[in-house]
Amino acid sequence: MSEHNLLEEHVNSDNALIKSMYSDLNSRIQEFENGNSRIERIKLKDATGSIIIVGAIILFLASVIL
C-alpha cells in the first residue's frame, strides 16, 4: 500500500480525530510541495527567554553541587 493511498484512507476515516489530523497533514504536504511554505531560522531574539531559563537552571545546579 503506497503512502498516498494510506493518506487518502485516513482523510476519509469515520474517526473525527484521525480525519482532522490527516486532513491537516495533507494540506501541509500540499503547501510544501507547491512551495507556498516558508521556513525561517530561529533568531536570537526568539531564543533569549529559553537561554535565560537554561542559564538560571545551570547556575542553580552548579550552586547546589558545588
C-alpha atoms as a PDB file:
ATOM      1  CA  MET A   1       0.000   0.000   0.000  1.00  0.00           C
ATOM      2  CA  SER A   2       1.500   3.315  -1.023  1.00  0.00           C
ATOM      3  CA  GLU A   3       1.721   6.322   1.270  1.00  0.00           C
ATOM      4  CA  HIS A   4      -0.755   8.258  -0.870  1.00  0.00           C
ATOM      5  CA  ASN A   5      -3.421   5.558  -0.525  1.00  0.00           C
ATOM      6  CA  LEU A   6      -2.823   5.383   3.229  1.00  0.00           C
ATOM      7  CA  LEU A   7      -3.195   9.158   3.488  1.00  0.00           C
ATOM      8  CA  GLU A   8      -6.416   9.125   1.452  1.00  0.00           C
ATOM      9  CA  GLU A   9      -7.770   6.275   3.577  1.00  0.00           C
ATOM     10  CA  HIS A  10      -7.200   8.221   6.783  1.00  0.00           C
ATOM     11  CA  VAL A  11      -8.531  11.510   5.336  1.00  0.00           C
ATOM     12  CA  ASN A  12     -11.795   9.687   4.611  1.00  0.00           C
ATOM     13  CA  SER A  13     -11.887   7.957   8.017  1.00  0.00           C
ATOM     14  CA  ASP A  14     -15.013   7.819  10.182  1.00  0.00           C
ATOM     15  CA  ASN A  15     -13.000   8.794  13.269  1.00  0.00           C
ATOM     16  CA  ALA A  16     -13.163  12.600  13.549  1.00  0.00           C
ATOM     17  CA  LEU A  17      -9.767  12.937  15.244  1.00  0.00           C
ATOM     18  CA  ILE A  18      -7.962  10.820  12.635  1.00  0.00           C
ATOM     19  CA  LYS A  19      -9.754  12.615   9.818  1.00  0.00           C
ATOM     20  CA  SER A  20      -8.804  16.034  11.214  1.00  0.00           C
ATOM     21  CA  MET A  21      -5.167  15.114  11.791  1.00  0.00           C
ATOM     22  CA  TYR A  22      -4.660  13.594   8.358  1.00  0.00           C
ATOM     23  CA  SER A  23      -6.549  16.406   6.615  1.00  0.00           C
ATOM     24  CA  ASP A  24      -4.209  18.901   8.278  1.00  0.00           C
ATOM     25  CA  LEU A  25      -1.202  16.773   7.336  1.00  0.00           C
ATOM     26  CA  ASN A  26      -2.429  16.555   3.751  1.00  0.00           C
ATOM     27  CA  SER A  27      -2.826  20.335   3.495  1.00  0.00           C
ATOM     28  CA  ARG A  28       0.663  20.892   4.938  1.00  0.00           C
ATOM     29  CA  ILE A  29       2.145  18.417   2.455  1.00  0.00           C
ATOM     30  CA  GLN A  30       0.370  20.179  -0.416  1.00  0.00           C
ATOM     31  CA  GLU A  31       1.661  23.599   0.728  1.00  0.00           C
ATOM     32  CA  PHE A  32       5.203  22.235   0.985  1.00  0.00           C
ATOM     33  CA  GLU A  33       5.060  20.595  -2.446  1.00  0.00           C
ATOM     34  CA  ASN A  34       3.674  23.759  -4.040  1.00  0.00           C
ATOM     35  CA  GLY A  35       6.424  25.873  -2.495  1.00  0.00           C
ATOM     36  CA  ASN A  36       3.995  28.018  -0.504  1.00  0.00           C
ATOM     37  CA  SER A  37       5.585  27.169   2.826  1.00  0.00           C
ATOM     38  CA  ARG A  38       8.177  29.483   4.303  1.00  0.00           C
ATOM     39  CA  ILE A  39      10.656  28.209   6.849  1.00  0.00           C
ATOM     40  CA  GLU A  40      12.571  30.738   8.892  1.00  0.00           C
ATOM     41  CA  ARG A  41      15.593  30.181  11.060  1.00  0.00           C
ATOM     42  CA  ILE A  42      15.170  30.912  14.754  1.00  0.00           C
ATOM     43  CA  LYS A  43      16.510  34.304  15.710  1.00  0.00           C
ATOM     44  CA  LEU A  44      18.442  35.157  18.871  1.00  0.00           C
ATOM     45  CA  LYS A  45      15.556  37.403  19.932  1.00  0.00           C
ATOM     46  CA  ASP A  46      13.185  34.417  19.820  1.00  0.00           C
ATOM     47  CA  ALA A  47      15.524  32.194  21.844  1.00  0.00           C
ATOM     48  CA  THR A  48      16.545  34.720  24.522  1.00  0.00           C
ATOM     49  CA  GLY A  49      13.924  33.613  27.076  1.00  0.00           C
ATOM     50  CA  SER A  50      14.872  29.968  26.765  1.00  0.00           C
ATOM     51  CA  ILE A  51      18.574  30.773  27.021  1.00  0.00           C
ATOM     52  CA  ILE A  52      17.987  32.772  30.212  1.00  0.00           C
ATOM     53  CA  ILE A  53      15.956  29.944  31.786  1.00  0.00           C
ATOM     54  CA  VAL A  54      18.584  27.339  30.886  1.00  0.00           C
ATOM     55  CA  GLY A  55      21.304  29.604  32.296  1.00  0.00           C
ATOM     56  CA  ALA A  56      19.382  30.034  35.545  1.00  0.00           C
ATOM     57  CA  ILE A  57      18.928  26.268  35.891  1.00  0.00           C
ATOM     58  CA  ILE A  58      22.634  25.685  35.246  1.00  0.00           C
ATOM     59  CA  LEU A  59      23.607  28.301  37.854  1.00  0.00           C
ATOM     60  CA  PHE A  60      21.210  26.781  40.378  1.00  0.00           C
ATOM     61  CA  LEU A  61      22.510  23.251  39.824  1.00  0.00           C
ATOM     62  CA  ALA A  62      26.106  24.435  39.960  1.00  0.00           C
ATOM     63  CA  SER A  63      25.471  26.197  43.289  1.00  0.00           C
ATOM     64  CA  VAL A  64      23.801  23.088  44.743  1.00  0.00           C
ATOM     65  CA  ILE A  65      26.520  20.701  43.587  1.00  0.00           C
ATOM     66  CA  LEU A  66      29.499  22.913  44.443  1.00  0.00           C
END
